[in-house]
Amino acid sequence: MDDDLWSAIGDPTRRRMLDLLLSEGGGTATSLSECLPVTRQAVAKHLVVLDRVGLVHATTVGREKQFRVDRAQLARAVAQLAEVGAAWDARLQRIKRIAETIQRNKDTNNETEKK
């Protein structure tokens, strides 16, 4: 697991920024700040974090940087999330089986005590 990647995605503002960039096909710190309840400077700082983990890449257009989502890196994050989800599903199934076994043993013991 890439802890830096998940730390970057863990922030709700950055997730919203990724959503906006994906839906709009890209954006600048200024255009993103117009859609978010944070300042342009805060957006710029969030973009630095997303860029550092490779989720976005910037190209200079005039005086501003145009950011786009790196779809390959985003796909990597989705694949990691799917792996984590599958691992937790397996763990929860094991816990369920253990709990069911315990309950069956209790039920059997209760029936035996009644006789």
C-alpha atoms as a PDB file:
ATOM      1  CA  MET A   1       0.000   0.000   0.000  1.00  0.00           C
ATOM      2  CA  ASP A   2       1.144   3.496  -0.797  1.00  0.00           C
ATOM      3  CA  ASP A   3       0.598   5.452   2.427  1.00  0.00           C
ATOM      4  CA  ASP A   4       1.367   8.824   0.800  1.00  0.00           C
ATOM      5  CA  LEU A   5      -1.186   8.141  -1.925  1.00  0.00           C
ATOM      6  CA  TRP A   6      -3.860   7.190   0.595  1.00  0.00           C
ATOM      7  CA  SER A   7      -3.028  10.131   2.811  1.00  0.00           C
ATOM      8  CA  ALA A   8      -3.539  12.424  -0.182  1.00  0.00           C
ATOM      9  CA  ILE A   9      -6.836  10.793  -1.118  1.00  0.00           C
ATOM     10  CA  GLY A  10      -7.945  10.709   2.510  1.00  0.00           C
ATOM     11  CA  ASP A  11      -8.642  14.433   2.572  1.00  0.00           C
ATOM     12  CA  PRO A  12     -12.239  15.256   1.559  1.00  0.00           C
ATOM     13  CA  THR A  13     -11.239  18.528  -0.128  1.00  0.00           C
ATOM     14  CA  ARG A  14      -8.685  16.741  -2.293  1.00  0.00           C
ATOM     15  CA  ARG A  15     -11.234  14.053  -3.202  1.00  0.00           C
ATOM     16  CA  ARG A  16     -13.664  16.786  -4.255  1.00  0.00           C
ATOM     17  CA  MET A  17     -10.891  18.409  -6.288  1.00  0.00           C
ATOM     18  CA  LEU A  18     -10.227  15.121  -8.073  1.00  0.00           C
ATOM     19  CA  ASP A  19     -13.941  14.815  -8.816  1.00  0.00           C
ATOM     20  CA  LEU A  20     -13.999  18.318 -10.252  1.00  0.00           C
ATOM     21  CA  LEU A  21     -10.888  17.768 -12.342  1.00  0.00           C
ATOM     22  CA  LEU A  22     -12.298  14.530 -13.716  1.00  0.00           C
ATOM     23  CA  SER A  23     -15.696  15.996 -14.526  1.00  0.00           C
ATOM     24  CA  GLU A  24     -14.264  19.151 -16.110  1.00  0.00           C
ATOM     25  CA  GLY A  25     -11.322  17.481 -17.827  1.00  0.00           C
ATOM     26  CA  GLY A  26      -8.894  19.649 -15.870  1.00  0.00           C
ATOM     27  CA  GLY A  27      -8.697  22.955 -14.090  1.00  0.00           C
ATOM     28  CA  THR A  28      -6.602  25.600 -12.441  1.00  0.00           C
ATOM     29  CA  ALA A  29      -6.264  26.517  -8.786  1.00  0.00           C
ATOM     30  CA  THR A  30      -8.460  29.530  -9.528  1.00  0.00           C
ATOM     31  CA  SER A  31     -11.206  27.557 -11.277  1.00  0.00           C
ATOM     32  CA  LEU A  32     -11.196  24.927  -8.532  1.00  0.00           C
ATOM     33  CA  SER A  33     -11.349  27.515  -5.754  1.00  0.00           C
ATOM     34  CA  GLU A  34     -14.509  28.939  -7.339  1.00  0.00           C
ATOM     35  CA  CYS A  35     -16.210  25.555  -6.774  1.00  0.00           C
ATOM     36  CA  LEU A  36     -14.870  24.868  -3.280  1.00  0.00           C
ATOM     37  CA  PRO A  37     -15.317  26.506   0.114  1.00  0.00           C
ATOM     38  CA  VAL A  38     -11.571  27.158   0.422  1.00  0.00           C
ATOM     39  CA  THR A  39      -9.217  29.862  -0.795  1.00  0.00           C
ATOM     40  CA  ARG A  40      -7.180  29.679  -3.967  1.00  0.00           C
ATOM     41  CA  GLN A  41      -4.046  29.399  -1.811  1.00  0.00           C
ATOM     42  CA  ALA A  42      -5.500  26.388   0.018  1.00  0.00           C
ATOM     43  CA  VAL A  43      -6.414  24.796  -3.317  1.00  0.00           C
ATOM     44  CA  ALA A  44      -2.865  25.378  -4.553  1.00  0.00           C
ATOM     45  CA  LYS A  45      -1.464  23.614  -1.472  1.00  0.00           C
ATOM     46  CA  HIS A  46      -3.819  20.667  -1.991  1.00  0.00           C
ATOM     47  CA  LEU A  47      -2.753  20.474  -5.642  1.00  0.00           C
ATOM     48  CA  VAL A  48       0.896  20.265  -4.552  1.00  0.00           C
ATOM     49  CA  VAL A  49       0.022  17.213  -2.426  1.00  0.00           C
ATOM     50  CA  LEU A  50      -1.909  15.575  -5.280  1.00  0.00           C
ATOM     51  CA  ASP A  51       0.939  16.323  -7.687  1.00  0.00           C
ATOM     52  CA  ARG A  52       3.558  14.913  -5.306  1.00  0.00           C
ATOM     53  CA  VAL A  53       1.793  11.517  -5.237  1.00  0.00           C
ATOM     54  CA  GLY A  54       1.247  11.580  -8.985  1.00  0.00           C
ATOM     55  CA  LEU A  55      -2.541  11.900  -8.990  1.00  0.00           C
ATOM     56  CA  VAL A  56      -2.433  15.141 -10.971  1.00  0.00           C
ATOM     57  CA  HIS A  57       0.003  16.693 -13.396  1.00  0.00           C
ATOM     58  CA  ALA A  58       0.325  20.343 -14.329  1.00  0.00           C
ATOM     59  CA  THR A  59       1.086  22.106 -17.548  1.00  0.00           C
ATOM     60  CA  THR A  60       1.682  25.843 -17.682  1.00  0.00           C
ATOM     61  CA  VAL A  61      -0.930  27.723 -19.682  1.00  0.00           C
ATOM     62  CA  GLY A  62      -0.264  31.442 -19.713  1.00  0.00           C
ATOM     63  CA  ARG A  63       0.176  32.581 -16.127  1.00  0.00           C
ATOM     64  CA  GLU A  64      -1.537  29.601 -14.528  1.00  0.00           C
ATOM     65  CA  LYS A  65      -0.988  25.893 -14.257  1.00  0.00           C
ATOM     66  CA  GLN A  66      -3.617  23.622 -15.759  1.00  0.00           C
ATOM     67  CA  PHE A  67      -4.042  20.432 -13.720  1.00  0.00           C
ATOM     68  CA  ARG A  68      -5.287  17.103 -15.033  1.00  0.00           C
ATOM     69  CA  VAL A  69      -5.837  13.824 -13.231  1.00  0.00           C
ATOM     70  CA  ASP A  70      -3.337  11.077 -13.998  1.00  0.00           C
ATOM     71  CA  ARG A  71      -5.764   8.290 -14.815  1.00  0.00           C
ATOM     72  CA  ALA A  72      -3.124   5.560 -14.523  1.00  0.00           C
ATOM     73  CA  GLN A  73      -2.255   6.617 -10.972  1.00  0.00           C
ATOM     74  CA  LEU A  74      -5.944   6.915 -10.111  1.00  0.00           C
ATOM     75  CA  ALA A  75      -6.511   3.397 -11.490  1.00  0.00           C
ATOM     76  CA  ARG A  76      -3.634   2.192  -9.287  1.00  0.00           C
ATOM     77  CA  ALA A  77      -5.346   3.734  -6.257  1.00  0.00           C
ATOM     78  CA  VAL A  78      -8.663   2.102  -7.193  1.00  0.00           C
ATOM     79  CA  ALA A  79      -6.927  -1.276  -7.581  1.00  0.00           C
ATOM     80  CA  GLN A  80      -5.326  -0.895  -4.152  1.00  0.00           C
ATOM     81  CA  LEU A  81      -8.700  -0.020  -2.655  1.00  0.00           C
ATOM     82  CA  ALA A  82     -10.236  -3.103  -4.255  1.00  0.00           C
ATOM     83  CA  GLU A  83      -7.460  -5.256  -2.744  1.00  0.00           C
ATOM     84  CA  VAL A  84      -8.067  -3.775   0.700  1.00  0.00           C
ATOM     85  CA  GLY A  85     -11.806  -4.306   0.309  1.00  0.00           C
ATOM     86  CA  ALA A  86     -11.321  -7.939  -0.691  1.00  0.00           C
ATOM     87  CA  ALA A  87      -8.991  -8.551   2.245  1.00  0.00           C
ATOM     88  CA  TRP A  88     -11.504  -7.054   4.686  1.00  0.00           C
ATOM     89  CA  ASP A  89     -14.348  -9.047   3.131  1.00  0.00           C
ATOM     90  CA  ALA A  90     -12.351 -12.229   3.724  1.00  0.00           C
ATOM     91  CA  ARG A  91     -11.583 -11.222   7.323  1.00  0.00           C
ATOM     92  CA  LEU A  92     -15.225 -10.426   8.013  1.00  0.00           C
ATOM     93  CA  GLN A  93     -16.314 -13.768   6.562  1.00  0.00           C
ATOM     94  CA  ARG A  94     -13.861 -15.555   8.899  1.00  0.00           C
ATOM     95  CA  ILE A  95     -15.207 -13.596  11.881  1.00  0.00           C
ATOM     96  CA  LYS A  96     -18.762 -14.465  10.855  1.00  0.00           C
ATOM     97  CA  ARG A  97     -17.909 -18.175  10.632  1.00  0.00           C
ATOM     98  CA  ILE A  98     -16.261 -18.065  14.073  1.00  0.00           C
ATOM     99  CA  ALA A  99     -19.273 -16.262  15.574  1.00  0.00           C
ATOM    100  CA  GLU A 100     -21.649 -18.791  13.986  1.00  0.00           C
ATOM    101  CA  THR A 101     -19.584 -21.687  15.360  1.00  0.00           C
ATOM    102  CA  ILE A 102     -19.613 -20.143  18.842  1.00  0.00           C
ATOM    103  CA  GLN A 103     -23.378 -19.640  18.631  1.00  0.00           C
ATOM    104  CA  ARG A 104     -23.940 -23.240  17.464  1.00  0.00           C
ATOM    105  CA  ASN A 105     -21.795 -24.516  20.340  1.00  0.00           C
ATOM    106  CA  LYS A 106     -23.781 -22.399  22.808  1.00  0.00           C
ATOM    107  CA  ASP A 107     -27.064 -23.675  21.367  1.00  0.00           C
ATOM    108  CA  THR A 108     -25.832 -27.274  21.556  1.00  0.00           C
ATOM    109  CA  ASN A 109     -24.666 -26.800  25.157  1.00  0.00           C
ATOM    110  CA  ASN A 110     -28.015 -25.217  26.115  1.00  0.00           C
ATOM    111  CA  GLU A 111     -29.903 -28.121  24.558  1.00  0.00           C
ATOM    112  CA  THR A 112     -27.673 -30.608  26.351  1.00  0.00           C
ATOM    113  CA  GLU A 113     -28.208 -28.864  29.705  1.00  0.00           C
ATOM    114  CA  LYS A 114     -31.987 -28.932  29.233  1.00  0.00           C
ATOM    115  CA  LYS A 115     -31.975 -32.719  28.864  1.00  0.00           C
END
